[in-house]
N, C-alpha and C. Protein backbone atom coordinates (compact mmCIF):
# COMPACT_ATOMS: atom_id res chain seq x y z
N VAL A 1 -28.67 12.47 -9.83
CA VAL A 1 -28.91 13.68 -10.81
C VAL A 1 -28.40 13.42 -12.03
N GLY A 2 -29.61 13.74 -13.09
CA GLY A 2 -29.36 13.82 -14.30
C GLY A 2 -29.51 14.76 -15.22
N TRP A 3 -28.81 15.17 -16.30
CA TRP A 3 -29.05 16.46 -17.10
C TRP A 3 -28.90 16.01 -18.54
N SER A 4 -30.22 16.29 -19.17
CA SER A 4 -30.02 16.13 -20.72
C SER A 4 -30.27 14.88 -20.89
N ASP A 5 -29.41 14.27 -21.86
CA ASP A 5 -29.49 12.62 -22.01
C ASP A 5 -29.31 11.77 -20.88
N GLY A 6 -28.47 12.74 -19.71
CA GLY A 6 -28.18 12.00 -18.59
C GLY A 6 -29.23 11.84 -17.67
N ALA A 7 -30.53 12.83 -17.84
CA ALA A 7 -31.44 12.68 -17.24
C ALA A 7 -32.44 11.52 -17.94
N ASN A 8 -32.52 11.27 -19.10
CA ASN A 8 -32.78 9.96 -19.53
C ASN A 8 -32.27 8.75 -18.93
N ALA A 9 -30.98 8.66 -19.05
CA ALA A 9 -29.91 7.84 -18.20
C ALA A 9 -30.44 7.47 -17.00
N ALA A 10 -30.66 8.48 -16.15
CA ALA A 10 -30.80 8.60 -15.02
C ALA A 10 -32.28 7.82 -14.73
N VAL A 11 -33.25 8.19 -15.49
CA VAL A 11 -34.64 7.28 -15.74
C VAL A 11 -34.49 5.93 -15.74
N ILE A 12 -33.78 5.68 -16.98
CA ILE A 12 -33.57 4.47 -17.07
C ILE A 12 -32.82 3.41 -15.63
N LEU A 13 -31.50 3.90 -15.41
CA LEU A 13 -31.08 3.37 -14.14
C LEU A 13 -31.87 3.60 -12.91
N ALA A 14 -32.79 4.20 -12.46
CA ALA A 14 -33.57 4.19 -11.45
C ALA A 14 -34.66 3.30 -11.79
N ALA A 15 -35.24 2.99 -13.06
CA ALA A 15 -36.12 1.99 -13.03
C ALA A 15 -35.63 0.62 -13.17
N ARG A 16 -34.62 0.29 -13.76
CA ARG A 16 -34.00 -0.94 -13.67
C ARG A 16 -33.06 -1.41 -12.57
N ARG A 17 -32.79 -0.51 -11.82
CA ARG A 17 -32.08 -0.77 -10.23
C ARG A 17 -32.73 0.18 -9.28
N PRO A 18 -34.02 -0.23 -9.07
CA PRO A 18 -34.67 0.63 -8.05
C PRO A 18 -33.76 0.65 -6.55
N GLU A 19 -33.19 -0.69 -6.57
CA GLU A 19 -32.46 -0.34 -4.90
C GLU A 19 -31.32 0.27 -4.90
N ALA A 20 -30.89 0.73 -6.11
CA ALA A 20 -29.58 1.73 -6.08
C ALA A 20 -30.16 3.14 -6.09
N VAL A 21 -31.23 3.47 -6.04
CA VAL A 21 -31.75 4.83 -6.49
C VAL A 21 -32.97 5.28 -5.38
N ARG A 22 -32.35 6.13 -4.47
CA ARG A 22 -33.72 6.50 -3.33
C ARG A 22 -34.18 7.81 -3.71
N LYS A 23 -33.52 8.49 -4.43
CA LYS A 23 -34.39 9.88 -5.01
C LYS A 23 -33.68 10.15 -6.42
N LEU A 24 -34.25 10.87 -7.02
CA LEU A 24 -33.90 11.12 -8.40
C LEU A 24 -34.24 12.66 -8.71
N VAL A 25 -33.22 13.38 -9.38
CA VAL A 25 -33.35 14.68 -9.76
C VAL A 25 -33.01 14.67 -11.46
N ILE A 26 -33.96 15.10 -12.21
CA ILE A 26 -33.69 15.29 -13.71
C ILE A 26 -34.23 16.20 -14.27
N PHE A 27 -33.29 16.99 -14.98
CA PHE A 27 -33.67 18.45 -15.79
C PHE A 27 -33.10 18.25 -16.84
N GLY A 28 -33.68 18.81 -18.34
CA GLY A 28 -33.30 18.78 -19.55
C GLY A 28 -33.67 17.42 -20.20
N GLY A 29 -34.24 16.54 -19.67
CA GLY A 29 -34.27 15.33 -20.55
C GLY A 29 -35.75 15.20 -21.31
N ASN A 30 -35.79 14.38 -22.06
CA ASN A 30 -37.15 14.12 -22.68
C ASN A 30 -37.15 12.20 -22.82
N ALA A 31 -38.68 11.95 -22.65
CA ALA A 31 -38.72 10.46 -22.33
C ALA A 31 -38.83 10.04 -23.73
N TRP A 32 -39.33 10.82 -24.86
CA TRP A 32 -39.20 10.43 -26.39
C TRP A 32 -39.06 11.50 -27.15
N VAL A 33 -38.72 11.23 -28.58
CA VAL A 33 -38.85 12.67 -29.54
C VAL A 33 -39.65 12.27 -30.44
N GLU A 34 -40.09 13.28 -31.11
CA GLU A 34 -41.23 13.49 -32.28
C GLU A 34 -40.56 14.49 -32.91
N GLN A 35 -41.13 15.05 -33.92
CA GLN A 35 -40.68 15.91 -34.96
C GLN A 35 -40.55 17.39 -34.59
N GLU A 36 -41.18 17.73 -33.66
CA GLU A 36 -40.89 19.16 -33.07
C GLU A 36 -39.43 19.01 -32.37
N ASP A 37 -39.01 18.02 -31.71
CA ASP A 37 -38.00 17.86 -30.89
C ASP A 37 -36.66 17.84 -32.27
N ILE A 38 -36.84 16.92 -33.19
CA ILE A 38 -35.90 17.06 -34.37
C ILE A 38 -35.97 18.56 -35.06
N ASP A 39 -36.91 19.12 -35.32
CA ASP A 39 -36.80 20.49 -35.93
C ASP A 39 -35.89 21.37 -34.75
N SER A 40 -35.96 21.58 -33.76
CA SER A 40 -35.19 22.03 -32.73
C SER A 40 -34.05 21.70 -32.91
N TYR A 41 -33.47 20.33 -32.97
CA TYR A 41 -32.36 19.86 -32.97
C TYR A 41 -31.60 20.46 -34.48
N GLU A 42 -32.56 20.13 -35.48
CA GLU A 42 -31.90 20.81 -36.66
C GLU A 42 -31.75 22.15 -36.83
N ALA A 43 -32.51 22.91 -35.93
CA ALA A 43 -32.46 24.53 -36.06
C ALA A 43 -30.97 24.81 -35.31
N THR A 44 -30.31 23.97 -34.56
CA THR A 44 -29.05 23.99 -34.03
C THR A 44 -27.89 23.45 -34.70
N ARG A 45 -28.40 22.65 -35.69
CA ARG A 45 -27.16 21.55 -36.29
C ARG A 45 -25.75 22.37 -36.51
N ASP A 46 -25.82 23.33 -37.03
CA ASP A 46 -24.77 23.97 -37.56
C ASP A 46 -24.13 24.97 -36.37
N VAL A 47 -23.07 24.27 -35.39
CA VAL A 47 -23.03 24.97 -34.36
C VAL A 47 -22.20 26.46 -34.31
N LYS A 48 -21.49 26.67 -35.28
CA LYS A 48 -20.87 27.89 -35.72
C LYS A 48 -21.92 28.98 -36.16
N LYS A 49 -22.88 28.61 -36.84
CA LYS A 49 -23.82 29.52 -37.14
C LYS A 49 -24.94 29.54 -36.14
N ASN A 50 -25.45 28.49 -35.62
CA ASN A 50 -26.49 28.92 -34.54
C ASN A 50 -26.32 28.85 -33.24
N TRP A 51 -25.37 28.48 -32.70
CA TRP A 51 -24.91 28.10 -31.15
C TRP A 51 -24.52 29.55 -30.75
N SER A 52 -24.81 30.11 -29.49
CA SER A 52 -24.62 31.36 -28.93
C SER A 52 -23.08 31.34 -28.93
N LYS A 53 -22.37 32.64 -28.74
CA LYS A 53 -20.83 32.73 -28.66
C LYS A 53 -20.70 32.07 -27.20
N ARG A 54 -21.70 32.12 -26.16
CA ARG A 54 -21.45 31.59 -24.84
C ARG A 54 -21.54 29.97 -24.81
N MET A 55 -22.10 29.70 -25.55
CA MET A 55 -22.33 28.01 -25.64
C MET A 55 -21.21 27.37 -26.29
N LEU A 56 -20.91 28.01 -27.51
CA LEU A 56 -19.46 27.96 -28.09
C LEU A 56 -18.25 27.96 -27.46
N ALA A 57 -18.13 28.86 -26.43
CA ALA A 57 -17.34 29.07 -25.36
C ALA A 57 -16.91 27.82 -24.29
N LEU A 58 -18.22 27.53 -24.21
CA LEU A 58 -18.18 26.34 -23.11
C LEU A 58 -17.93 25.03 -23.59
N HIS A 59 -18.24 24.70 -24.85
CA HIS A 59 -18.13 23.62 -25.46
C HIS A 59 -16.72 23.48 -26.37
N GLU A 60 -16.46 24.31 -27.12
CA GLU A 60 -15.29 24.27 -27.69
C GLU A 60 -14.12 23.83 -27.07
N PRO A 61 -13.52 24.19 -25.80
CA PRO A 61 -12.33 23.74 -25.15
C PRO A 61 -12.56 22.21 -24.57
N VAL A 62 -13.62 21.96 -24.67
CA VAL A 62 -13.82 20.25 -24.61
C VAL A 62 -13.75 19.74 -25.47
N TYR A 63 -14.41 19.80 -26.51
CA TYR A 63 -14.65 19.00 -27.79
C TYR A 63 -13.83 19.19 -29.11
N GLY A 64 -13.17 20.38 -28.80
CA GLY A 64 -12.30 20.96 -30.29
C GLY A 64 -12.97 20.85 -31.21
N ASP A 65 -12.31 20.55 -32.40
CA ASP A 65 -12.74 20.12 -33.62
C ASP A 65 -13.80 18.94 -33.73
N GLY A 66 -13.77 18.44 -32.77
CA GLY A 66 -14.91 17.23 -32.52
C GLY A 66 -16.43 17.73 -32.17
N LEU A 67 -16.48 19.00 -32.00
CA LEU A 67 -17.88 19.34 -31.53
C LEU A 67 -18.79 19.28 -32.83
N GLN A 68 -18.55 19.67 -33.91
CA GLN A 68 -19.58 19.78 -34.85
C GLN A 68 -20.07 18.35 -35.40
N PRO A 69 -18.74 17.30 -35.67
CA PRO A 69 -19.11 15.89 -35.46
C PRO A 69 -20.09 15.30 -34.58
N MET A 70 -19.65 15.80 -33.52
CA MET A 70 -20.32 15.04 -32.24
C MET A 70 -21.78 15.61 -32.25
N TRP A 71 -22.02 16.74 -32.24
CA TRP A 71 -23.28 17.51 -32.67
C TRP A 71 -24.10 16.51 -33.88
N ASP A 72 -23.78 16.84 -34.85
CA ASP A 72 -24.13 16.11 -35.92
C ASP A 72 -24.63 14.52 -35.73
N GLY A 73 -23.69 13.98 -35.00
CA GLY A 73 -23.91 12.50 -34.53
C GLY A 73 -25.26 12.58 -33.63
N PHE A 74 -25.32 13.14 -32.87
CA PHE A 74 -26.49 13.55 -31.82
C PHE A 74 -27.86 13.79 -32.58
N CYS A 75 -27.83 14.76 -33.39
CA CYS A 75 -28.96 14.89 -34.27
C CYS A 75 -29.30 13.80 -35.25
N ASP A 76 -28.66 13.04 -35.62
CA ASP A 76 -28.58 11.74 -36.51
C ASP A 76 -29.35 10.85 -35.48
N ALA A 77 -28.74 10.70 -34.64
CA ALA A 77 -29.00 9.60 -33.49
C ALA A 77 -30.33 9.64 -33.28
N MET A 78 -30.88 11.08 -33.02
CA MET A 78 -32.41 11.26 -32.57
C MET A 78 -33.27 11.26 -33.50
N LYS A 79 -33.15 11.52 -34.89
CA LYS A 79 -33.69 11.27 -35.96
C LYS A 79 -33.93 9.61 -35.84
N GLY A 80 -32.66 9.03 -35.84
CA GLY A 80 -33.02 7.31 -35.75
C GLY A 80 -33.94 7.04 -34.89
N ILE A 81 -33.83 7.36 -33.62
CA ILE A 81 -34.72 6.92 -32.58
C ILE A 81 -36.30 7.35 -32.88
N MET A 82 -36.34 8.57 -33.47
CA MET A 82 -37.65 9.00 -33.89
C MET A 82 -38.11 8.00 -34.83
N GLU A 83 -37.73 7.47 -36.02
CA GLU A 83 -38.02 6.76 -37.19
C GLU A 83 -38.35 5.16 -36.53
N ARG A 84 -37.30 4.85 -35.46
CA ARG A 84 -37.81 3.53 -34.69
C ARG A 84 -39.11 3.85 -33.69
N GLY A 85 -39.80 4.96 -33.70
CA GLY A 85 -40.92 5.05 -32.76
C GLY A 85 -41.00 6.05 -31.59
N GLY A 86 -39.62 6.55 -31.69
CA GLY A 86 -39.49 7.78 -30.74
C GLY A 86 -39.42 7.50 -29.11
N ASP A 87 -39.40 6.36 -28.54
CA ASP A 87 -39.50 6.23 -27.09
C ASP A 87 -37.78 6.16 -26.78
N ILE A 88 -37.74 6.84 -25.74
CA ILE A 88 -36.56 6.69 -24.91
C ILE A 88 -36.46 6.21 -23.68
N CYS A 89 -37.54 6.68 -22.75
CA CYS A 89 -37.83 5.89 -21.32
C CYS A 89 -39.33 5.99 -20.88
N LYS A 90 -39.92 6.22 -21.70
CA LYS A 90 -41.41 6.29 -21.20
C LYS A 90 -41.85 5.37 -20.12
N GLY A 91 -41.55 4.07 -20.70
CA GLY A 91 -42.22 3.04 -19.85
C GLY A 91 -41.38 3.01 -18.49
N GLU A 92 -40.04 3.06 -18.37
CA GLU A 92 -39.17 3.33 -17.36
C GLU A 92 -39.91 4.34 -16.63
N ALA A 93 -40.07 5.66 -16.99
CA ALA A 93 -40.41 6.85 -16.08
C ALA A 93 -41.61 6.42 -15.37
N GLN A 94 -42.80 5.71 -16.17
CA GLN A 94 -43.72 5.47 -15.54
C GLN A 94 -43.70 4.44 -14.63
N SER A 95 -42.63 3.93 -14.33
CA SER A 95 -42.59 2.70 -13.30
C SER A 95 -41.78 2.98 -12.36
N LEU A 96 -41.11 4.01 -12.11
CA LEU A 96 -40.32 4.81 -11.16
C LEU A 96 -41.08 4.63 -9.74
N LYS A 97 -40.32 4.26 -8.66
CA LYS A 97 -41.02 4.25 -7.42
C LYS A 97 -40.25 5.28 -6.35
N CYS A 98 -39.02 5.79 -6.90
CA CYS A 98 -38.59 6.93 -6.00
C CYS A 98 -39.00 7.99 -5.94
N PRO A 99 -39.17 8.94 -5.15
CA PRO A 99 -39.54 10.46 -5.40
C PRO A 99 -38.49 11.08 -6.37
N THR A 100 -39.19 11.87 -7.13
CA THR A 100 -38.40 12.48 -8.19
C THR A 100 -38.98 13.88 -8.38
N PHE A 101 -37.68 14.48 -8.81
CA PHE A 101 -37.60 16.07 -8.67
C PHE A 101 -37.31 16.57 -10.16
N VAL A 102 -38.24 16.96 -11.00
CA VAL A 102 -38.07 17.55 -12.34
C VAL A 102 -38.08 18.89 -12.49
N LEU A 103 -36.80 19.33 -12.86
CA LEU A 103 -36.46 20.81 -12.77
C LEU A 103 -36.46 21.17 -14.42
N ALA A 104 -36.99 22.39 -14.83
CA ALA A 104 -36.50 22.83 -16.26
C ALA A 104 -36.70 24.12 -16.36
N GLY A 105 -36.01 24.67 -17.52
CA GLY A 105 -36.10 25.96 -18.00
C GLY A 105 -37.24 26.25 -18.93
N ALA A 106 -38.02 27.24 -18.48
CA ALA A 106 -39.23 27.26 -19.21
C ALA A 106 -38.69 27.78 -20.88
N LYS A 107 -37.84 28.32 -20.94
CA LYS A 107 -37.19 29.04 -22.35
C LYS A 107 -36.31 27.94 -22.81
N ASP A 108 -36.39 26.49 -22.46
CA ASP A 108 -35.43 25.80 -22.99
C ASP A 108 -35.56 25.86 -24.86
N PRO A 109 -34.49 25.75 -25.62
CA PRO A 109 -34.58 25.70 -27.03
C PRO A 109 -34.49 24.36 -27.40
N ILE A 110 -34.02 23.61 -26.63
CA ILE A 110 -33.83 22.24 -27.14
C ILE A 110 -34.96 21.23 -26.56
N VAL A 111 -35.40 21.58 -25.22
CA VAL A 111 -36.47 20.26 -24.65
C VAL A 111 -37.74 21.35 -24.22
N PRO A 112 -38.57 21.14 -25.12
CA PRO A 112 -39.86 22.09 -24.81
C PRO A 112 -40.54 21.62 -23.50
N ASN A 113 -41.41 22.53 -23.12
CA ASN A 113 -41.69 22.17 -21.84
C ASN A 113 -42.79 21.30 -21.79
N TYR A 114 -43.55 20.75 -22.58
CA TYR A 114 -44.26 19.19 -22.69
C TYR A 114 -43.29 18.24 -21.99
N HIS A 115 -41.98 18.19 -22.21
CA HIS A 115 -41.52 16.81 -21.92
C HIS A 115 -41.40 16.96 -20.31
N PRO A 116 -40.97 18.16 -19.68
CA PRO A 116 -40.86 18.04 -18.12
C PRO A 116 -42.23 17.91 -17.80
N GLU A 117 -43.01 18.64 -18.30
CA GLU A 117 -44.58 18.52 -17.69
C GLU A 117 -44.99 16.91 -17.86
N TRP A 118 -44.70 16.04 -18.87
CA TRP A 118 -44.68 14.75 -18.86
C TRP A 118 -44.47 14.07 -17.89
N PHE A 119 -42.89 14.47 -17.73
CA PHE A 119 -42.15 13.47 -16.53
C PHE A 119 -43.18 13.75 -15.16
N ALA A 120 -43.32 14.87 -15.30
CA ALA A 120 -43.86 15.46 -13.68
C ALA A 120 -45.48 14.45 -13.74
N LYS A 121 -46.47 14.35 -14.79
CA LYS A 121 -47.42 13.73 -14.42
C LYS A 121 -47.21 12.28 -14.58
N ASN A 122 -46.26 11.68 -15.18
CA ASN A 122 -46.16 10.34 -15.45
C ASN A 122 -45.28 9.98 -14.43
N ILE A 123 -44.44 10.43 -13.69
CA ILE A 123 -43.56 9.67 -12.53
C ILE A 123 -44.35 9.80 -11.44
N PRO A 124 -44.76 8.60 -10.51
CA PRO A 124 -45.41 8.82 -9.21
C PRO A 124 -44.54 9.30 -8.53
N ASN A 125 -44.64 10.23 -7.60
CA ASN A 125 -44.12 10.98 -6.68
C ASN A 125 -43.24 12.10 -7.35
N ALA A 126 -43.55 12.40 -8.17
CA ALA A 126 -42.77 13.27 -8.84
C ALA A 126 -43.07 15.09 -8.78
N ARG A 127 -42.18 15.78 -8.39
CA ARG A 127 -42.49 17.25 -8.29
C ARG A 127 -41.75 17.95 -9.45
N LEU A 128 -42.28 19.05 -9.98
CA LEU A 128 -41.73 20.06 -10.94
C LEU A 128 -41.62 21.26 -10.79
N HIS A 129 -40.24 21.70 -11.19
CA HIS A 129 -40.25 23.57 -10.94
C HIS A 129 -39.56 23.86 -12.22
N PHE A 130 -40.24 24.92 -12.84
CA PHE A 130 -39.70 25.57 -13.97
C PHE A 130 -39.06 27.03 -13.49
N PHE A 131 -37.84 27.01 -14.35
CA PHE A 131 -36.99 28.65 -14.10
C PHE A 131 -37.63 29.08 -15.25
N PRO A 132 -38.44 30.28 -14.72
CA PRO A 132 -39.41 31.11 -15.87
C PRO A 132 -38.47 31.58 -16.82
N ASP A 133 -37.22 31.99 -16.65
CA ASP A 133 -36.24 32.54 -17.81
C ASP A 133 -35.06 31.70 -18.23
N GLY A 134 -35.33 30.27 -17.50
CA GLY A 134 -34.32 29.51 -18.11
C GLY A 134 -34.25 28.84 -19.27
N LYS A 135 -32.91 28.33 -19.65
CA LYS A 135 -33.09 27.76 -20.94
C LYS A 135 -32.53 26.36 -20.83
N HIS A 136 -31.67 25.70 -21.51
CA HIS A 136 -31.20 24.20 -21.01
C HIS A 136 -29.94 24.03 -19.94
N ASN A 137 -29.25 25.21 -19.65
CA ASN A 137 -28.25 24.99 -18.69
C ASN A 137 -28.74 25.70 -17.33
N ILE A 138 -29.95 25.49 -16.77
CA ILE A 138 -30.20 26.01 -15.54
C ILE A 138 -29.56 25.76 -14.57
N HIS A 139 -28.68 24.63 -14.30
CA HIS A 139 -27.59 24.56 -13.29
C HIS A 139 -26.64 25.34 -13.20
N ILE A 140 -26.20 25.88 -14.45
CA ILE A 140 -25.03 26.90 -14.41
C ILE A 140 -25.78 28.55 -14.29
N LYS A 141 -26.85 28.70 -15.12
CA LYS A 141 -27.13 29.97 -14.79
C LYS A 141 -27.82 30.37 -13.61
N TYR A 142 -28.48 29.43 -13.12
CA TYR A 142 -29.23 29.71 -11.54
C TYR A 142 -28.53 28.65 -10.66
N ASN A 143 -27.26 28.54 -10.38
CA ASN A 143 -26.46 27.52 -9.78
C ASN A 143 -26.68 27.58 -8.49
N ASP A 144 -27.02 28.76 -7.57
CA ASP A 144 -27.14 28.87 -6.28
C ASP A 144 -28.54 28.29 -5.85
N GLU A 145 -29.54 29.08 -6.71
CA GLU A 145 -30.89 28.47 -6.57
C GLU A 145 -31.27 26.92 -6.79
N PHE A 146 -30.49 26.91 -7.82
CA PHE A 146 -30.71 25.26 -8.47
C PHE A 146 -30.08 24.07 -7.34
N ASN A 147 -28.80 24.68 -7.02
CA ASN A 147 -28.22 23.77 -6.13
C ASN A 147 -29.09 23.57 -4.39
N LYS A 148 -29.49 24.76 -4.34
CA LYS A 148 -30.33 24.92 -2.76
C LYS A 148 -31.43 24.16 -2.96
N MET A 149 -32.14 24.26 -4.09
CA MET A 149 -33.42 23.33 -4.33
C MET A 149 -33.30 21.92 -4.27
N VAL A 150 -32.37 21.38 -5.20
CA VAL A 150 -31.93 20.09 -5.23
C VAL A 150 -31.55 19.40 -3.72
N LEU A 151 -30.55 20.23 -2.87
CA LEU A 151 -29.85 19.58 -1.95
C LEU A 151 -31.33 19.56 -0.80
N GLU A 152 -32.04 20.70 -0.74
CA GLU A 152 -33.28 20.59 0.03
C GLU A 152 -33.97 19.02 -0.32
N PHE A 153 -34.46 18.91 -1.58
CA PHE A 153 -35.08 17.93 -1.80
C PHE A 153 -34.48 16.56 -1.49
N LEU A 154 -33.03 16.45 -1.68
CA LEU A 154 -32.02 15.14 -1.22
C LEU A 154 -32.55 15.12 0.24
N ALA A 155 -32.11 16.12 1.18
CA ALA A 155 -32.27 16.10 2.20
C ALA A 155 -33.77 15.76 2.91
N GLU A 156 -34.83 15.68 2.33
CA GLU A 156 -36.09 15.74 2.80
C GLU A 156 -36.17 14.19 3.24
């Protein structure tokens, strides 16, 4: 199970070590970055100014004064990936052999809907579910429904 950049890492792991991954669940990931993605990151770069109070309350206890530098580093890293062609894990995703469940928030401000749609179309044996009012933290806001769906998929 991988969320956000962890979804990208999970795709890479499943592609490179298929014997270690029987099923895959990803949400909030993106197989590449393009200018629209960079624009989304830049719109949230100043965490004090652009993040919601709820998001700050979740992240500040964990990262403290390191939150802004960490997010700046992420935004800069994504720009660097785009400048080198933008690919994160497209080839790996297309090579997956395991059944994959792609979940997404239809209102995710960080990962536009075309990313989970691409994963679902390009990963063999993939299925897709959107939470219509979900954003990037679907596993938190819809925890009961999310966990039920994931557990049912893994139990199949």
